[in-house]
């Protein structure tokens, strides 16, 4: 019985230590995020605050051009977003929508820059009903689901490779193993953005966009 109490005490102590370490880690990450925010110009802050609204307008234009709903347009954009800059992302989403509408095999879409798995996901999104919960279920991944939610006006936190680099205060190649973000790490990074945003009294998704705009200029990213 005594050993059971000791073991239980030990588990509780380890839990508290782990939780304290997590908070410490988040504080370091939040400081790095705030540092990049502090280096943003006034224009970059304005551009960041408008980024997701502008993205939604462009997705609406894509939807009108292709004769699909806004949710489907944003869903395909989110599905095809990994490792593509915004302009390439929108163009590629248009190719995937065209391919779906024309009955083309997703692997046979000429000049499509999206990964095969993301093209397939884009096709699945097109088959979904016009409901955010259905499209989010198809998207599934935390980053692309958050990206969909942010463009649609939600306050998730999109943590891509750039957001990860900003939080860690380092720059690693987006296709490197180090840039792969696990589920637990994603939650920690997203919370760090929320922690930093609460200090600035702005939305976490807007902070992520502002720091991305500044980071892009600082590192010459197109």
C-alpha atoms as a PDB file:
ATOM      1  CA  UNK A   1       0.000   0.000   0.000  1.00  0.00           C
ATOM      2  CA  UNK A   2       2.822   2.361   0.981  1.00  0.00           C
ATOM      3  CA  UNK A   3       4.602   1.738  -2.351  1.00  0.00           C
ATOM      4  CA  UNK A   4       1.348   2.515  -4.192  1.00  0.00           C
ATOM      5  CA  UNK A   5       1.180   5.902  -2.496  1.00  0.00           C
ATOM      6  CA  UNK A   6       4.818   6.598  -3.371  1.00  0.00           C
ATOM      7  CA  UNK A   7       4.249   5.616  -7.005  1.00  0.00           C
ATOM      8  CA  UNK A   8       1.118   7.782  -7.188  1.00  0.00           C
ATOM      9  CA  UNK A   9       3.022  10.696  -5.613  1.00  0.00           C
ATOM     10  CA  UNK A  10       5.831  10.218  -8.115  1.00  0.00           C
ATOM     11  CA  UNK A  11       3.417  10.259 -11.076  1.00  0.00           C
ATOM     12  CA  UNK A  12       1.759  13.438  -9.801  1.00  0.00           C
ATOM     13  CA  UNK A  13       5.161  15.111  -9.287  1.00  0.00           C
ATOM     14  CA  UNK A  14       6.311  14.089 -12.769  1.00  0.00           C
ATOM     15  CA  UNK A  15       3.049  15.448 -14.191  1.00  0.00           C
ATOM     16  CA  UNK A  16       3.573  18.808 -12.515  1.00  0.00           C
ATOM     17  CA  UNK A  17       7.201  18.958 -13.713  1.00  0.00           C
ATOM     18  CA  UNK A  18       6.160  18.100 -17.270  1.00  0.00           C
ATOM     19  CA  UNK A  19       3.388  20.717 -17.228  1.00  0.00           C
ATOM     20  CA  UNK A  20       5.839  23.324 -15.870  1.00  0.00           C
ATOM     21  CA  UNK A  21       8.359  22.433 -18.613  1.00  0.00           C
ATOM     22  CA  UNK A  22       5.611  22.786 -21.239  1.00  0.00           C
ATOM     23  CA  UNK A  23       4.727  26.252 -19.928  1.00  0.00           C
ATOM     24  CA  UNK A  24       8.400  27.240 -19.940  1.00  0.00           C
ATOM     25  CA  UNK A  25       8.761  26.002 -23.524  1.00  0.00           C
ATOM     26  CA  UNK A  26       5.648  27.917 -24.597  1.00  0.00           C
ATOM     27  CA  UNK A  27       6.987  31.070 -22.973  1.00  0.00           C
ATOM     28  CA  UNK A  28      10.205  30.779 -24.990  1.00  0.00           C
ATOM     29  CA  UNK A  29       8.238  30.168 -28.174  1.00  0.00           C
ATOM     30  CA  UNK A  30       5.919  33.104 -27.443  1.00  0.00           C
ATOM     31  CA  UNK A  31       8.915  35.391 -26.871  1.00  0.00           C
ATOM     32  CA  UNK A  32      10.349  34.415 -30.256  1.00  0.00           C
ATOM     33  CA  UNK A  33       6.993  35.094 -31.918  1.00  0.00           C
ATOM     34  CA  UNK A  34       6.753  38.485 -30.204  1.00  0.00           C
ATOM     35  CA  UNK A  35      10.316  39.285 -31.293  1.00  0.00           C
ATOM     36  CA  UNK A  36       9.386  38.779 -34.950  1.00  0.00           C
ATOM     37  CA  UNK A  37       6.198  40.787 -34.437  1.00  0.00           C
ATOM     38  CA  UNK A  38       8.314  43.601 -33.005  1.00  0.00           C
ATOM     39  CA  UNK A  39      10.432  43.624 -36.169  1.00  0.00           C
ATOM     40  CA  UNK A  40       7.378  43.960 -38.441  1.00  0.00           C
ATOM     41  CA  UNK A  41       6.904  47.303 -40.148  1.00  0.00           C
ATOM     42  CA  UNK A  42       3.628  49.202 -39.854  1.00  0.00           C
ATOM     43  CA  UNK A  43       2.723  48.120 -43.412  1.00  0.00           C
ATOM     44  CA  UNK A  44       3.515  44.489 -42.642  1.00  0.00           C
ATOM     45  CA  UNK A  45       1.242  44.619 -39.610  1.00  0.00           C
ATOM     46  CA  UNK A  46      -1.568  46.029 -41.731  1.00  0.00           C
ATOM     47  CA  UNK A  47      -0.925  43.467 -44.475  1.00  0.00           C
ATOM     48  CA  UNK A  48      -0.978  40.660 -41.906  1.00  0.00           C
ATOM     49  CA  UNK A  49      -4.228  41.879 -40.376  1.00  0.00           C
ATOM     50  CA  UNK A  50      -5.794  41.847 -43.843  1.00  0.00           C
ATOM     51  CA  UNK A  51      -4.176  38.624 -45.076  1.00  0.00           C
ATOM     52  CA  UNK A  52      -6.955  36.126 -44.385  1.00  0.00           C
ATOM     53  CA  UNK A  53      -9.672  38.540 -45.498  1.00  0.00           C
ATOM     54  CA  UNK A  54      -7.796  39.053 -48.779  1.00  0.00           C
ATOM     55  CA  UNK A  55      -7.349  35.279 -49.129  1.00  0.00           C
ATOM     56  CA  UNK A  56     -11.087  34.794 -48.671  1.00  0.00           C
ATOM     57  CA  UNK A  57     -11.815  37.347 -51.423  1.00  0.00           C
ATOM     58  CA  UNK A  58      -9.470  35.514 -53.787  1.00  0.00           C
ATOM     59  CA  UNK A  59     -11.088  32.191 -52.931  1.00  0.00           C
ATOM     60  CA  UNK A  60     -14.491  33.736 -53.604  1.00  0.00           C
ATOM     61  CA  UNK A  61     -13.245  34.926 -57.008  1.00  0.00           C
ATOM     62  CA  UNK A  62     -11.961  31.396 -57.709  1.00  0.00           C
ATOM     63  CA  UNK A  63     -15.326  29.946 -56.672  1.00  0.00           C
ATOM     64  CA  UNK A  64     -17.188  32.283 -59.024  1.00  0.00           C
ATOM     65  CA  UNK A  65     -14.795  31.550 -61.891  1.00  0.00           C
ATOM     66  CA  UNK A  66     -15.190  27.777 -61.470  1.00  0.00           C
ATOM     67  CA  UNK A  67     -18.885  27.720 -60.559  1.00  0.00           C
ATOM     68  CA  UNK A  68     -18.375  26.129 -57.134  1.00  0.00           C
ATOM     69  CA  UNK A  69     -19.234  27.193 -53.595  1.00  0.00           C
ATOM     70  CA  UNK A  70     -16.903  29.306 -51.487  1.00  0.00           C
ATOM     71  CA  UNK A  71     -16.462  26.459 -48.986  1.00  0.00           C
ATOM     72  CA  UNK A  72     -15.392  24.072 -51.743  1.00  0.00           C
ATOM     73  CA  UNK A  73     -13.014  26.654 -53.180  1.00  0.00           C
ATOM     74  CA  UNK A  74     -11.409  27.274 -49.765  1.00  0.00           C
ATOM     75  CA  UNK A  75     -11.364  23.530 -49.074  1.00  0.00           C
ATOM     76  CA  UNK A  76      -9.432  22.731 -52.255  1.00  0.00           C
ATOM     77  CA  UNK A  77      -7.062  25.648 -51.611  1.00  0.00           C
ATOM     78  CA  UNK A  78      -6.400  24.268 -48.125  1.00  0.00           C
ATOM     79  CA  UNK A  79      -6.003  20.695 -49.406  1.00  0.00           C
ATOM     80  CA  UNK A  80      -3.403  21.696 -52.006  1.00  0.00           C
ATOM     81  CA  UNK A  81      -1.550  24.236 -49.841  1.00  0.00           C
ATOM     82  CA  UNK A  82       1.403  22.211 -48.470  1.00  0.00           C
ATOM     83  CA  UNK A  83       4.733  23.594 -49.730  1.00  0.00           C
ATOM     84  CA  UNK A  84       3.124  26.035 -52.174  1.00  0.00           C
ATOM     85  CA  UNK A  85       3.216  29.812 -51.912  1.00  0.00           C
ATOM     86  CA  UNK A  86      -0.119  31.594 -52.039  1.00  0.00           C
ATOM     87  CA  UNK A  87      -0.195  32.437 -55.763  1.00  0.00           C
ATOM     88  CA  UNK A  88       0.829  28.913 -56.755  1.00  0.00           C
ATOM     89  CA  UNK A  89      -1.650  27.540 -54.241  1.00  0.00           C
ATOM     90  CA  UNK A  90      -4.640  29.367 -55.760  1.00  0.00           C
ATOM     91  CA  UNK A  91      -3.555  28.476 -59.307  1.00  0.00           C
ATOM     92  CA  UNK A  92      -3.102  24.819 -58.346  1.00  0.00           C
ATOM     93  CA  UNK A  93      -6.478  24.708 -56.599  1.00  0.00           C
ATOM     94  CA  UNK A  94      -8.033  25.958 -59.829  1.00  0.00           C
ATOM     95  CA  UNK A  95      -6.324  23.149 -61.746  1.00  0.00           C
ATOM     96  CA  UNK A  96      -7.621  20.554 -59.292  1.00  0.00           C
ATOM     97  CA  UNK A  97     -11.180  21.919 -59.491  1.00  0.00           C
ATOM     98  CA  UNK A  98     -10.963  21.873 -63.310  1.00  0.00           C
ATOM     99  CA  UNK A  99      -9.632  18.316 -63.232  1.00  0.00           C
ATOM    100  CA  UNK A 100     -12.477  17.184 -60.999  1.00  0.00           C
ATOM    101  CA  UNK A 101     -15.125  18.885 -63.130  1.00  0.00           C
ATOM    102  CA  UNK A 102     -13.692  17.413 -66.325  1.00  0.00           C
ATOM    103  CA  UNK A 103     -13.358  13.908 -64.901  1.00  0.00           C
ATOM    104  CA  UNK A 104      -9.575  13.835 -65.290  1.00  0.00           C
ATOM    105  CA  UNK A 105      -7.545  11.386 -63.223  1.00  0.00           C
ATOM    106  CA  UNK A 106      -5.955  13.523 -60.463  1.00  0.00           C
ATOM    107  CA  UNK A 107      -2.539  12.082 -61.315  1.00  0.00           C
ATOM    108  CA  UNK A 108      -2.958  13.232 -64.927  1.00  0.00           C
ATOM    109  CA  UNK A 109      -3.567  16.942 -64.258  1.00  0.00           C
ATOM    110  CA  UNK A 110      -0.977  18.587 -66.466  1.00  0.00           C
ATOM    111  CA  UNK A 111       1.482  20.886 -64.737  1.00  0.00           C
ATOM    112  CA  UNK A 112      -0.155  20.461 -61.317  1.00  0.00           C
ATOM    113  CA  UNK A 113       2.265  21.277 -58.482  1.00  0.00           C
ATOM    114  CA  UNK A 114       0.247  19.691 -55.653  1.00  0.00           C
ATOM    115  CA  UNK A 115       1.325  16.375 -54.204  1.00  0.00           C
ATOM    116  CA  UNK A 116      -0.656  13.356 -55.405  1.00  0.00           C
ATOM    117  CA  UNK A 117      -2.236  12.807 -51.967  1.00  0.00           C
ATOM    118  CA  UNK A 118      -3.318  16.455 -51.839  1.00  0.00           C
ATOM    119  CA  UNK A 119      -4.864  16.304 -55.319  1.00  0.00           C
ATOM    120  CA  UNK A 120      -6.879  13.288 -54.170  1.00  0.00           C
ATOM    121  CA  UNK A 121      -7.911  15.173 -51.056  1.00  0.00           C
ATOM    122  CA  UNK A 122      -8.988  18.099 -53.241  1.00  0.00           C
ATOM    123  CA  UNK A 123     -11.197  15.744 -55.267  1.00  0.00           C
ATOM    124  CA  UNK A 124     -12.722  14.367 -52.046  1.00  0.00           C
ATOM    125  CA  UNK A 125     -13.445  17.926 -50.882  1.00  0.00           C
ATOM    126  CA  UNK A 126     -15.288  18.571 -54.165  1.00  0.00           C
ATOM    127  CA  UNK A 127     -17.498  15.555 -53.465  1.00  0.00           C
ATOM    128  CA  UNK A 128     -18.336  16.782 -49.947  1.00  0.00           C
ATOM    129  CA  UNK A 129     -21.635  18.546 -49.180  1.00  0.00           C
ATOM    130  CA  UNK A 130     -21.431  22.317 -48.744  1.00  0.00           C
ATOM    131  CA  UNK A 131     -20.826  22.070 -45.001  1.00  0.00           C
ATOM    132  CA  UNK A 132     -17.694  23.164 -43.148  1.00  0.00           C
ATOM    133  CA  UNK A 133     -17.819  20.136 -40.814  1.00  0.00           C
ATOM    134  CA  UNK A 134     -17.841  17.751 -43.798  1.00  0.00           C
ATOM    135  CA  UNK A 135     -14.937  19.494 -45.516  1.00  0.00           C
ATOM    136  CA  UNK A 136     -12.942  19.687 -42.276  1.00  0.00           C
ATOM    137  CA  UNK A 137     -13.461  15.952 -41.764  1.00  0.00           C
ATOM    138  CA  UNK A 138     -11.995  15.345 -45.228  1.00  0.00           C
ATOM    139  CA  UNK A 139      -9.074  17.735 -44.714  1.00  0.00           C
ATOM    140  CA  UNK A 140      -8.307  16.080 -41.375  1.00  0.00           C
ATOM    141  CA  UNK A 141      -4.724  17.426 -40.927  1.00  0.00           C
ATOM    142  CA  UNK A 142      -4.297  20.131 -38.259  1.00  0.00           C
ATOM    143  CA  UNK A 143      -2.483  22.614 -40.497  1.00  0.00           C
ATOM    144  CA  UNK A 144      -4.756  22.433 -43.538  1.00  0.00           C
ATOM    145  CA  UNK A 145      -7.869  22.301 -41.335  1.00  0.00           C
ATOM    146  CA  UNK A 146      -6.735  25.449 -39.522  1.00  0.00           C
ATOM    147  CA  UNK A 147      -5.934  27.107 -42.862  1.00  0.00           C
ATOM    148  CA  UNK A 148      -9.476  26.387 -44.080  1.00  0.00           C
ATOM    149  CA  UNK A 149     -10.933  27.739 -40.836  1.00  0.00           C
ATOM    150  CA  UNK A 150      -8.807  30.904 -40.929  1.00  0.00           C
ATOM    151  CA  UNK A 151      -9.745  31.751 -44.514  1.00  0.00           C
ATOM    152  CA  UNK A 152     -13.396  31.179 -43.665  1.00  0.00           C
ATOM    153  CA  UNK A 153     -13.032  33.626 -40.754  1.00  0.00           C
ATOM    154  CA  UNK A 154     -12.310  31.338 -37.791  1.00  0.00           C
ATOM    155  CA  UNK A 155      -9.617  31.796 -35.149  1.00  0.00           C
ATOM    156  CA  UNK A 156      -7.674  28.540 -35.423  1.00  0.00           C
ATOM    157  CA  UNK A 157      -3.896  28.851 -35.676  1.00  0.00           C
ATOM    158  CA  UNK A 158      -2.269  27.770 -38.931  1.00  0.00           C
ATOM    159  CA  UNK A 159       1.128  26.383 -37.978  1.00  0.00           C
ATOM    160  CA  UNK A 160       3.094  25.692 -41.135  1.00  0.00           C
ATOM    161  CA  UNK A 161       6.868  25.383 -41.488  1.00  0.00           C
ATOM    162  CA  UNK A 162       7.304  29.164 -41.488  1.00  0.00           C
ATOM    163  CA  UNK A 163       5.234  29.579 -38.314  1.00  0.00           C
ATOM    164  CA  UNK A 164       7.302  26.824 -36.732  1.00  0.00           C
ATOM    165  CA  UNK A 165      10.565  28.534 -37.684  1.00  0.00           C
ATOM    166  CA  UNK A 166       9.350  31.859 -36.292  1.00  0.00           C
ATOM    167  CA  UNK A 167       8.424  30.257 -32.982  1.00  0.00           C
ATOM    168  CA  UNK A 168      11.757  28.454 -32.648  1.00  0.00           C
ATOM    169  CA  UNK A 169      13.724  31.472 -33.844  1.00  0.00           C
ATOM    170  CA  UNK A 170      15.522  29.477 -36.508  1.00  0.00           C
ATOM    171  CA  UNK A 171      15.212  28.786 -40.202  1.00  0.00           C
ATOM    172  CA  UNK A 172      15.154  25.196 -41.382  1.00  0.00           C
ATOM    173  CA  UNK A 173      14.174  24.012 -44.844  1.00  0.00           C
ATOM    174  CA  UNK A 174      10.450  23.336 -45.087  1.00  0.00           C
ATOM    175  CA  UNK A 175      10.979  19.919 -46.668  1.00  0.00           C
ATOM    176  CA  UNK A 176      13.453  18.777 -43.997  1.00  0.00           C
ATOM    177  CA  UNK A 177      12.514  16.214 -41.335  1.00  0.00           C
ATOM    178  CA  UNK A 178      12.999  18.877 -38.677  1.00  0.00           C
ATOM    179  CA  UNK A 179      10.137  20.900 -40.172  1.00  0.00           C
ATOM    180  CA  UNK A 180       7.674  18.002 -39.815  1.00  0.00           C
ATOM    181  CA  UNK A 181       5.316  18.978 -37.001  1.00  0.00           C
ATOM    182  CA  UNK A 182       3.730  16.256 -34.875  1.00  0.00           C
ATOM    183  CA  UNK A 183       0.290  16.562 -33.292  1.00  0.00           C
ATOM    184  CA  UNK A 184       1.553  17.362 -29.767  1.00  0.00           C
ATOM    185  CA  UNK A 185       4.115  19.825 -31.102  1.00  0.00           C
ATOM    186  CA  UNK A 186       1.422  21.474 -33.220  1.00  0.00           C
ATOM    187  CA  UNK A 187      -0.746  22.022 -30.141  1.00  0.00           C
ATOM    188  CA  UNK A 188       2.192  23.538 -28.242  1.00  0.00           C
ATOM    189  CA  UNK A 189       3.082  25.880 -31.109  1.00  0.00           C
ATOM    190  CA  UNK A 190      -0.528  26.928 -31.650  1.00  0.00           C
ATOM    191  CA  UNK A 191      -0.907  27.694 -27.950  1.00  0.00           C
ATOM    192  CA  UNK A 192       2.315  29.735 -28.013  1.00  0.00           C
ATOM    193  CA  UNK A 193       0.789  31.896 -30.768  1.00  0.00           C
ATOM    194  CA  UNK A 194      -2.376  32.286 -28.663  1.00  0.00           C
ATOM    195  CA  UNK A 195      -0.302  33.222 -25.615  1.00  0.00           C
ATOM    196  CA  UNK A 196       1.614  35.849 -27.590  1.00  0.00           C
ATOM    197  CA  UNK A 197      -1.561  37.162 -29.240  1.00  0.00           C
ATOM    198  CA  UNK A 198      -3.247  37.624 -25.862  1.00  0.00           C
ATOM    199  CA  UNK A 199      -0.392  39.925 -24.815  1.00  0.00           C
ATOM    200  CA  UNK A 200      -0.926  42.022 -27.949  1.00  0.00           C
ATOM    201  CA  UNK A 201      -4.732  41.802 -27.688  1.00  0.00           C
ATOM    202  CA  UNK A 202      -5.101  40.573 -31.279  1.00  0.00           C
ATOM    203  CA  UNK A 203      -6.343  37.329 -32.818  1.00  0.00           C
ATOM    204  CA  UNK A 204      -3.806  34.503 -32.920  1.00  0.00           C
ATOM    205  CA  UNK A 205      -4.386  33.934 -36.636  1.00  0.00           C
ATOM    206  CA  UNK A 206      -3.671  37.620 -37.327  1.00  0.00           C
ATOM    207  CA  UNK A 207      -0.445  37.410 -35.317  1.00  0.00           C
ATOM    208  CA  UNK A 208       0.587  34.356 -37.312  1.00  0.00           C
ATOM    209  CA  UNK A 209      -0.090  36.225 -40.565  1.00  0.00           C
ATOM    210  CA  UNK A 210       1.757  39.374 -39.438  1.00  0.00           C
ATOM    211  CA  UNK A 211       4.841  37.453 -38.350  1.00  0.00           C
ATOM    212  CA  UNK A 212       4.799  35.492 -41.615  1.00  0.00           C
ATOM    213  CA  UNK A 213       4.718  38.698 -43.679  1.00  0.00           C
ATOM    214  CA  UNK A 214       7.637  40.107 -41.661  1.00  0.00           C
ATOM    215  CA  UNK A 215       9.578  36.782 -41.755  1.00  0.00           C
ATOM    216  CA  UNK A 216       9.199  36.633 -45.525  1.00  0.00           C
ATOM    217  CA  UNK A 217      10.791  40.068 -45.900  1.00  0.00           C
ATOM    218  CA  UNK A 218      13.528  39.325 -43.361  1.00  0.00           C
ATOM    219  CA  UNK A 219      14.604  36.140 -45.152  1.00  0.00           C
ATOM    220  CA  UNK A 220      13.870  37.068 -48.762  1.00  0.00           C
ATOM    221  CA  UNK A 221      11.138  34.446 -49.159  1.00  0.00           C
ATOM    222  CA  UNK A 222       8.916  34.853 -52.216  1.00  0.00           C
END
